[in-house]
Amino acid sequence: MTRLAHLFSATAALLVLGSAVARAEDAGKQPTAVIELFTSQGCSSCPPADALFVELAKQPDLIALTLPVTYWDYLGWKDTLGKDSFAKRQKFYAKARGDGQVYTPQAVVNGVAHVVGSDKAEIERAAKPAPGTGFVVKLSLKEEAGGLSVALEPLGEPLERKAGVWAVATTRMVSVPITRGENQGKTVAYANVVRGLTRIGDWDGKAATLSAALAATQAPESDSYVVIVQVEQPGKYGMMPGAILGAARSPR
């Protein structure tokens, strides 16, 4: 092997090693925000937001989730990914905030703020925690023998508040050709499409470890999941989702 070939081989090895290290660092990086996109295949304003979330989903400090709703199905195209439960979740967010604003595309950041789902600058502004704010619990996930272990560690003093711990089953990427309605003729890609949410425990604000069956993280067509810790508040029609206190991606 020539000296040039040796140099090329060594350089290639370093690049591969660097790429592997970068992936490992990204996988272990704690996210700073969870952004939920309420979208619809029947909404002509939604494709730019869907495309933006494909890009946001690549950022290791953000967990970008897509929750397709069903209330635009009457426009001539039934959303193939939509769930009534997502529309309900969006409405409950609006009730909890007190502003009643429900629209598509709508991005809800950390369960409390909402912005237009295609406005990258506003989403990034809302997702950037101010000093002294942000997530208050660190999550560490471990899969073993068909089970999931969730370690919860307060970032600071233990909190005097309770929250639910949820497994959110997702599909990393879905591409849908739309043949009717306002987006007729378009093929739209969606990132981290939510397939289901399962409550796997409660958090009392102190250091704790929860265990759940790995099946709780799965749903039809899902290939990944995230775990979130979210405050709840009572409402006229049941418990409503509130602030998200922490989150973690699937370890695989």
Protein backbone atom coordinates (compact mmCIF):
# COMPACT_ATOMS: atom_id res chain seq x y z
CA MET A 1 0.00 0.00 0.00
CA THR A 2 1.39 3.41 -0.92
CA ARG A 3 1.91 6.20 1.58
CA LEU A 4 -0.99 8.10 -0.02
CA ALA A 5 -3.24 5.07 0.35
CA HIS A 6 -2.21 4.71 4.00
CA LEU A 7 -3.06 8.37 4.57
CA PHE A 8 -6.42 8.01 2.84
CA SER A 9 -7.25 4.89 4.89
CA ALA A 10 -6.34 6.59 8.16
CA THR A 11 -8.36 9.68 7.27
CA ALA A 12 -11.40 7.57 6.36
CA ALA A 13 -11.13 5.69 9.66
CA LEU A 14 -11.04 8.95 11.59
CA LEU A 15 -14.11 10.22 9.76
CA VAL A 16 -16.03 7.03 10.54
CA LEU A 17 -14.96 7.19 14.18
CA GLY A 18 -15.91 10.86 14.40
CA SER A 19 -19.32 10.15 12.88
CA ALA A 20 -19.92 7.33 15.36
CA VAL A 21 -18.93 9.54 18.30
CA ALA A 22 -21.24 12.31 17.05
CA ARG A 23 -24.16 9.88 16.83
CA ALA A 24 -23.45 8.61 20.34
CA GLU A 25 -23.29 12.15 21.70
CA ASP A 26 -26.55 13.06 19.97
CA ALA A 27 -28.29 9.97 21.35
CA GLY A 28 -27.21 10.83 24.90
CA LYS A 29 -27.91 14.55 24.71
CA GLN A 30 -30.74 15.73 26.92
CA PRO A 31 -33.46 17.57 24.97
CA THR A 32 -34.49 21.06 26.00
CA ALA A 33 -37.95 21.13 24.44
CA VAL A 34 -40.82 19.01 23.18
CA ILE A 35 -42.67 20.51 20.22
CA GLU A 36 -46.00 19.02 19.15
CA LEU A 37 -47.28 19.80 15.66
CA PHE A 38 -51.03 19.59 15.16
CA THR A 39 -51.46 19.20 11.43
CA SER A 40 -53.79 17.77 8.80
CA GLN A 41 -53.45 16.31 5.33
CA GLY A 42 -56.58 18.29 4.44
CA CYS A 43 -55.05 21.65 5.39
CA SER A 44 -53.45 23.59 2.53
CA SER A 45 -51.32 25.62 4.97
CA CYS A 46 -49.81 22.55 6.63
CA PRO A 47 -47.20 21.13 4.20
CA PRO A 48 -44.62 23.88 4.98
CA ALA A 49 -45.00 23.09 8.70
CA ASP A 50 -44.72 19.36 8.04
CA ALA A 51 -41.49 19.96 6.09
CA LEU A 52 -40.13 22.17 8.88
CA PHE A 53 -40.76 19.46 11.47
CA VAL A 54 -38.82 16.96 9.38
CA GLU A 55 -35.86 19.32 9.81
CA LEU A 56 -36.52 20.07 13.49
CA ALA A 57 -36.66 16.35 14.21
CA LYS A 58 -32.97 16.12 13.26
CA GLN A 59 -31.92 18.48 16.09
CA PRO A 60 -30.72 16.52 19.15
CA ASP A 61 -31.87 19.22 21.58
CA LEU A 62 -35.48 19.09 20.34
CA ILE A 63 -38.11 16.38 20.37
CA ALA A 64 -40.46 17.17 17.48
CA LEU A 65 -43.72 15.19 17.39
CA THR A 66 -46.43 15.15 14.73
CA LEU A 67 -50.05 14.69 15.83
CA PRO A 68 -52.44 14.69 12.84
CA VAL A 69 -55.98 15.79 13.65
CA THR A 70 -59.31 14.84 12.08
CA TYR A 71 -61.50 17.95 12.08
CA TRP A 72 -60.62 18.88 8.49
CA ASP A 73 -61.59 15.47 7.10
CA TYR A 74 -64.86 16.89 5.76
CA LEU A 75 -62.94 18.95 3.16
CA GLY A 76 -62.71 15.95 0.85
CA TRP A 77 -59.77 13.92 2.19
CA LYS A 78 -59.70 11.82 5.33
CA ASP A 79 -56.34 12.14 7.06
CA THR A 80 -54.72 8.70 6.90
CA LEU A 81 -52.74 9.36 10.11
CA GLY A 82 -55.32 11.41 12.00
CA LYS A 83 -56.78 10.48 15.37
CA ASP A 84 -59.70 12.04 17.21
CA SER A 85 -57.66 11.77 20.41
CA PHE A 86 -55.09 14.19 18.98
CA ALA A 87 -57.81 16.72 18.17
CA LYS A 88 -59.03 16.33 21.76
CA ARG A 89 -55.52 16.83 23.11
CA GLN A 90 -55.16 20.03 21.07
CA LYS A 91 -58.49 21.36 22.34
CA PHE A 92 -57.57 20.53 25.93
CA TYR A 93 -54.33 22.47 25.53
CA ALA A 94 -56.35 25.48 24.37
CA LYS A 95 -58.71 25.16 27.34
CA ALA A 96 -55.81 24.79 29.78
CA ARG A 97 -54.13 27.91 28.37
CA GLY A 98 -57.44 29.74 28.47
CA ASP A 99 -57.14 31.22 24.97
CA GLY A 100 -59.30 28.71 23.10
CA GLN A 101 -57.07 28.86 20.01
CA VAL A 102 -57.24 25.67 17.94
CA TYR A 103 -55.92 25.72 14.37
CA THR A 104 -53.60 23.99 11.93
CA PRO A 105 -50.70 24.05 11.63
CA GLN A 106 -50.23 24.73 15.34
CA ALA A 107 -47.06 23.99 17.30
CA VAL A 108 -47.37 23.57 21.07
CA VAL A 109 -44.05 23.97 22.87
CA ASN A 110 -43.48 22.17 26.17
CA GLY A 111 -47.22 21.96 26.69
CA VAL A 112 -47.65 25.67 27.41
CA ALA A 113 -46.89 27.99 24.48
CA HIS A 114 -48.36 27.85 20.98
CA VAL A 115 -47.17 29.34 17.69
CA VAL A 116 -47.89 28.88 14.01
CA GLY A 117 -46.37 25.54 13.06
CA SER A 118 -44.53 26.85 10.01
CA ASP A 119 -42.89 29.79 11.81
CA LYS A 120 -39.38 28.49 12.44
CA ALA A 121 -38.12 31.61 14.19
CA GLU A 122 -41.01 31.70 16.66
CA ILE A 123 -40.77 27.97 17.33
CA GLU A 124 -37.06 28.24 18.08
CA ARG A 125 -37.63 31.27 20.27
CA ALA A 126 -40.35 29.49 22.27
CA ALA A 127 -38.21 26.34 22.54
CA LYS A 128 -35.18 28.15 23.93
CA PRO A 129 -35.42 28.15 27.74
CA ALA A 130 -34.71 31.39 29.52
CA PRO A 131 -32.08 31.32 32.29
CA GLY A 132 -33.48 29.54 35.33
CA THR A 133 -36.30 27.91 33.37
CA GLY A 134 -36.63 24.83 31.20
CA PHE A 135 -37.00 21.16 32.05
CA VAL A 136 -36.82 20.33 35.74
CA VAL A 137 -36.28 16.57 35.56
CA LYS A 138 -33.70 14.45 33.75
CA LEU A 139 -34.86 11.13 32.33
CA SER A 140 -32.66 8.10 31.67
CA LEU A 141 -34.17 5.16 29.80
CA LYS A 142 -32.98 1.56 29.83
CA GLU A 143 -34.46 -1.44 28.06
CA GLU A 144 -33.87 -4.88 29.54
CA ALA A 145 -35.59 -8.28 29.33
CA GLY A 146 -38.77 -6.95 27.76
CA GLY A 147 -39.08 -4.10 30.23
CA LEU A 148 -38.40 -0.37 30.36
CA SER A 149 -36.73 1.34 33.29
CA VAL A 150 -37.18 5.11 33.61
CA ALA A 151 -34.90 6.90 36.06
CA LEU A 152 -36.12 10.38 37.02
CA GLU A 153 -33.73 12.83 38.62
CA PRO A 154 -34.79 16.35 39.64
CA LEU A 155 -32.54 19.08 38.27
CA GLY A 156 -32.24 20.96 41.55
CA GLU A 157 -34.32 20.64 44.68
CA PRO A 158 -37.12 18.04 44.70
CA LEU A 159 -40.42 19.50 43.51
CA GLU A 160 -43.70 19.56 45.36
CA ARG A 161 -45.83 18.70 42.36
CA LYS A 162 -47.13 15.59 40.68
CA ALA A 163 -47.05 14.69 37.02
CA GLY A 164 -47.80 11.79 34.73
CA VAL A 165 -45.10 9.78 32.96
CA TRP A 166 -46.11 8.88 29.41
CA ALA A 167 -44.69 6.64 26.70
CA VAL A 168 -45.33 8.15 23.26
CA ALA A 169 -45.10 5.59 20.44
CA THR A 170 -43.93 7.10 17.14
CA THR A 171 -43.01 6.31 13.57
CA ARG A 172 -39.83 8.14 12.61
CA MET A 173 -40.83 8.93 9.02
CA VAL A 174 -44.05 8.52 7.02
CA SER A 175 -44.65 9.65 3.44
CA VAL A 176 -48.26 10.05 2.28
CA PRO A 177 -49.50 10.67 -1.29
CA ILE A 178 -52.66 12.80 -1.10
CA THR A 179 -55.11 12.30 -3.96
CA ARG A 180 -58.02 14.52 -2.95
CA GLY A 181 -58.79 17.66 -1.01
CA GLU A 182 -56.79 20.88 -0.67
CA ASN A 183 -53.43 19.10 -1.02
CA GLN A 184 -54.40 16.94 -3.97
CA GLY A 185 -51.40 15.73 -5.97
CA LYS A 186 -48.86 16.30 -3.17
CA THR A 187 -46.80 13.70 -1.36
CA VAL A 188 -46.08 14.91 2.16
CA ALA A 189 -43.43 13.58 4.55
CA TYR A 190 -44.06 13.53 8.29
CA ALA A 191 -41.52 13.10 11.09
CA ASN A 192 -42.09 11.31 14.40
CA VAL A 193 -45.77 10.62 13.80
CA VAL A 194 -47.44 9.80 17.11
CA ARG A 195 -49.24 6.45 17.12
CA GLY A 196 -50.35 6.40 20.73
CA LEU A 197 -49.78 7.70 24.26
CA THR A 198 -49.69 5.36 27.25
CA ARG A 199 -49.42 6.44 30.87
CA ILE A 200 -46.75 4.31 32.51
CA GLY A 201 -46.59 5.91 35.93
CA ASP A 202 -46.59 9.00 38.10
CA TRP A 203 -43.82 11.27 39.32
CA ASP A 204 -43.94 12.99 42.71
CA GLY A 205 -41.07 15.41 42.12
CA LYS A 206 -38.39 13.30 43.84
CA ALA A 207 -35.69 11.00 42.49
CA ALA A 208 -37.32 7.76 41.44
CA THR A 209 -37.17 4.82 39.05
CA LEU A 210 -40.27 3.53 37.28
CA SER A 211 -40.65 0.19 35.53
CA ALA A 212 -43.04 -0.66 32.70
CA ALA A 213 -43.48 -3.38 30.12
CA LEU A 214 -41.74 -2.50 26.88
CA ALA A 215 -45.05 -3.21 25.17
CA ALA A 216 -46.34 0.06 26.63
CA THR A 217 -44.00 1.93 24.29
CA GLN A 218 -45.32 0.19 21.19
CA ALA A 219 -48.29 0.69 18.88
CA PRO A 220 -49.25 -0.50 15.40
CA GLU A 221 -46.73 0.79 12.82
CA SER A 222 -44.51 2.47 15.42
CA ASP A 223 -40.74 2.03 15.30
CA SER A 224 -39.59 4.28 18.14
CA TYR A 225 -40.83 6.17 21.18
CA VAL A 226 -40.17 8.99 23.59
CA VAL A 227 -41.03 9.34 27.26
CA ILE A 228 -42.38 12.61 28.64
CA VAL A 229 -43.22 13.86 32.12
CA GLN A 230 -46.26 16.13 31.98
CA VAL A 231 -48.28 18.04 34.54
CA GLU A 232 -52.05 17.58 34.46
CA GLN A 233 -54.83 19.85 35.62
CA PRO A 234 -58.51 19.10 36.17
CA GLY A 235 -61.03 20.55 33.76
CA LYS A 236 -64.76 20.39 33.13
CA TYR A 237 -64.36 17.42 30.79
CA GLY A 238 -61.50 15.62 32.48
CA MET A 239 -57.78 15.98 33.14
CA MET A 240 -56.06 18.37 30.76
CA PRO A 241 -52.39 18.27 29.70
CA GLY A 242 -50.15 21.02 31.03
CA ALA A 243 -46.45 21.81 31.19
CA ILE A 244 -43.95 19.18 30.07
CA LEU A 245 -41.26 18.90 32.75
CA GLY A 246 -38.82 16.59 30.99
CA ALA A 247 -38.41 14.13 28.13
CA ALA A 248 -36.11 11.49 26.66
CA ARG A 249 -35.80 9.60 23.40
CA SER A 250 -35.85 5.85 22.95
CA PRO A 251 -32.39 4.40 23.60
CA ARG A 252 -32.55 2.51 20.27
